C-alpha cells in the first residue's frame, strides 16, 4: 500500500460512547503522531507530546487545545484543567476555552460544589456571581 496511512486514518466516533464516559474524559485519540478530537484531526497538535488534560482540554509541547481547537494561553507548561470547563495558566483563568477577564489566576481555586473563586470573587458557569465571603473578626 502506498501513501501515508496517517492521513487516511479516521478513528470511529460513537456519540453514545461519548455520553457514557466519566466526566473529565475526553475524546482525544492519537494515531501515528496525529491527534483527533471526536474523530476529526486536530490541526497543529503533535501526538508524541500530547497530553489529554480532561474536560475538553489537551496540550502538547507548544500549544493548548479546547474541544479540538487551538486556544491562546500564556503558559503551556503551567496550564491546568479543572472540572466544569475551567482551566488556568500562570496569568489567565479560562472557562469553556475563553479567558475569564478579571479573574486572578494565582488565587483561583475550584470548590466542591462546582463553583470557583479567586481572591475577591466567586464564579459559576464562567460568570462572576458575587464577592467571595471573608471571615470577619469582631472587636469587643
Protein backbone atom coordinates (compact mmCIF):
# COMPACT_ATOMS: atom_id res chain seq x y z
CA UNK A 1 0.00 0.00 0.00
CA UNK A 2 1.43 3.36 -0.97
CA UNK A 3 0.92 6.72 0.71
CA UNK A 4 0.78 7.76 4.31
CA UNK A 5 -1.75 5.92 6.38
CA UNK A 6 -1.87 8.72 9.00
CA UNK A 7 -3.73 10.98 6.54
CA UNK A 8 -6.16 8.20 5.69
CA UNK A 9 -6.95 7.07 9.23
CA UNK A 10 -10.32 8.12 10.54
CA UNK A 11 -10.97 6.98 14.12
CA UNK A 12 -14.50 5.84 14.79
CA UNK A 13 -16.59 8.17 16.91
CA UNK A 14 -19.70 6.88 18.59
CA UNK A 15 -21.80 9.63 20.30
CA UNK A 16 -23.36 7.05 22.63
CA UNK A 17 -19.91 6.05 23.85
CA UNK A 18 -19.08 9.72 24.49
CA UNK A 19 -22.10 10.21 26.76
CA UNK A 20 -21.18 7.11 28.78
CA UNK A 21 -17.71 8.40 29.66
CA UNK A 22 -16.93 9.71 33.10
CA UNK A 23 -16.82 13.50 33.42
CA UNK A 24 -13.33 14.66 32.60
CA UNK A 25 -12.55 12.06 29.98
CA UNK A 26 -12.08 13.49 26.53
CA UNK A 27 -12.48 12.07 23.09
CA UNK A 28 -8.89 12.76 22.10
CA UNK A 29 -7.23 9.95 20.22
CA UNK A 30 -3.68 9.65 18.93
CA UNK A 31 -2.68 7.70 15.86
CA UNK A 32 0.77 7.87 14.21
CA UNK A 33 1.59 11.27 15.80
CA UNK A 34 -1.74 12.79 14.72
CA UNK A 35 -4.25 13.88 17.38
CA UNK A 36 -8.00 13.50 16.84
CA UNK A 37 -10.96 15.03 18.70
CA UNK A 38 -14.26 13.18 18.25
CA UNK A 39 -12.94 11.62 15.07
CA UNK A 40 -11.65 14.86 13.45
CA UNK A 41 -7.97 15.63 13.12
CA UNK A 42 -6.72 18.41 15.42
CA UNK A 43 -4.64 20.80 13.33
CA UNK A 44 -1.30 21.73 14.86
CA UNK A 45 -1.32 19.07 17.60
CA UNK A 46 1.69 16.78 17.99
CA UNK A 47 0.79 13.29 19.14
CA UNK A 48 4.20 12.39 20.58
CA UNK A 49 3.98 15.13 23.22
CA UNK A 50 0.18 15.38 23.55
CA UNK A 51 -1.49 15.07 26.96
CA UNK A 52 -5.23 14.75 27.48
CA UNK A 53 -5.98 17.03 30.46
CA UNK A 54 -9.68 16.18 30.66
CA UNK A 55 -12.79 18.33 30.50
CA UNK A 56 -12.19 19.21 26.83
CA UNK A 57 -8.62 20.43 27.33
CA UNK A 58 -5.41 18.94 25.98
CA UNK A 59 -1.89 20.18 25.31
CA UNK A 60 1.28 19.26 23.52
CA UNK A 61 4.75 20.73 23.97
CA UNK A 62 3.80 24.03 22.23
CA UNK A 63 0.03 24.53 22.23
CA UNK A 64 -3.13 24.14 24.31
CA UNK A 65 -6.41 22.88 22.84
CA UNK A 66 -10.04 23.00 23.89
CA UNK A 67 -12.61 20.77 22.16
CA UNK A 68 -10.09 20.07 19.43
CA UNK A 69 -9.35 23.76 18.71
CA UNK A 70 -6.09 25.57 19.47
CA UNK A 71 -6.53 28.28 22.12
CA UNK A 72 -4.25 31.12 23.20
CA UNK A 73 -2.59 30.84 26.59
CA UNK A 74 0.40 32.45 28.20
CA UNK A 75 1.91 29.26 29.61
CA UNK A 76 1.71 25.78 28.13
CA UNK A 77 3.88 24.27 30.88
CA UNK A 78 1.78 25.71 33.72
CA UNK A 79 -1.60 25.02 32.09
CA UNK A 80 -4.08 23.06 34.28
CA UNK A 81 -7.63 21.93 33.59
CA UNK A 82 -10.33 21.78 36.26
CA UNK A 83 -13.90 20.46 36.40
CA UNK A 84 -16.82 22.36 34.84
CA UNK A 85 -14.82 23.71 31.86
CA UNK A 86 -12.41 25.83 33.95
CA UNK A 87 -8.65 25.98 33.38
CA UNK A 88 -5.74 28.27 34.18
CA UNK A 89 -2.11 29.02 33.42
CA UNK A 90 0.31 31.39 35.13
CA UNK A 91 -1.57 34.53 34.04
CA UNK A 92 -5.11 33.71 32.97
CA UNK A 93 -8.20 31.79 34.04
CA UNK A 94 -10.29 30.24 31.28
CA UNK A 95 -13.85 29.00 31.07
CA UNK A 96 -15.06 26.99 28.10
CA UNK A 97 -11.76 27.73 26.33
CA UNK A 98 -12.08 31.53 26.67
CA UNK A 99 -10.22 33.89 29.00
CA UNK A 100 -12.25 34.86 32.05
CA UNK A 101 -11.30 38.54 32.24
CA UNK A 102 -10.73 39.90 35.72
CA UNK A 103 -10.15 36.51 37.38
CA UNK A 104 -6.93 36.12 39.38
CA UNK A 105 -5.03 33.03 38.19
CA UNK A 106 -2.71 32.89 41.19
CA UNK A 107 -5.53 32.52 43.75
CA UNK A 108 -8.07 30.71 41.53
CA UNK A 109 -9.47 27.53 43.11
CA UNK A 110 -12.38 25.17 42.49
CA UNK A 111 -14.95 24.49 45.22
CA UNK A 112 -16.59 21.13 45.96
CA UNK A 113 -19.97 22.45 44.81
CA UNK A 114 -18.68 23.12 41.27
CA UNK A 115 -18.31 26.87 41.71
CA UNK A 116 -14.92 28.56 41.78
CA UNK A 117 -13.36 31.52 43.49
CA UNK A 118 -10.30 33.70 43.45
CA UNK A 119 -9.06 36.27 45.93
CA UNK A 120 -12.09 38.52 45.51
CA UNK A 121 -14.89 36.85 43.56
CA UNK A 122 -16.95 33.70 43.26
CA UNK A 123 -17.78 32.19 39.82
CA UNK A 124 -20.41 29.84 38.47
CA UNK A 125 -20.56 28.64 34.85
CA UNK A 126 -17.91 31.20 33.90
CA UNK A 127 -19.86 34.15 35.32
CA UNK A 128 -18.94 36.26 38.32
CA UNK A 129 -21.71 35.70 40.87
CA UNK A 130 -20.50 37.90 43.69
CA UNK A 131 -17.74 38.72 46.07
CA UNK A 132 -16.01 35.98 48.00
CA UNK A 133 -17.12 35.88 51.61
CA UNK A 134 -14.44 36.81 54.06
CA UNK A 135 -14.32 35.78 57.65
CA UNK A 136 -14.75 38.79 59.88
CA UNK A 137 -13.29 39.13 63.31
CA UNK A 138 -15.39 41.21 65.67
CA UNK A 139 -13.85 43.61 68.10
CA UNK A 140 -15.46 43.83 71.51
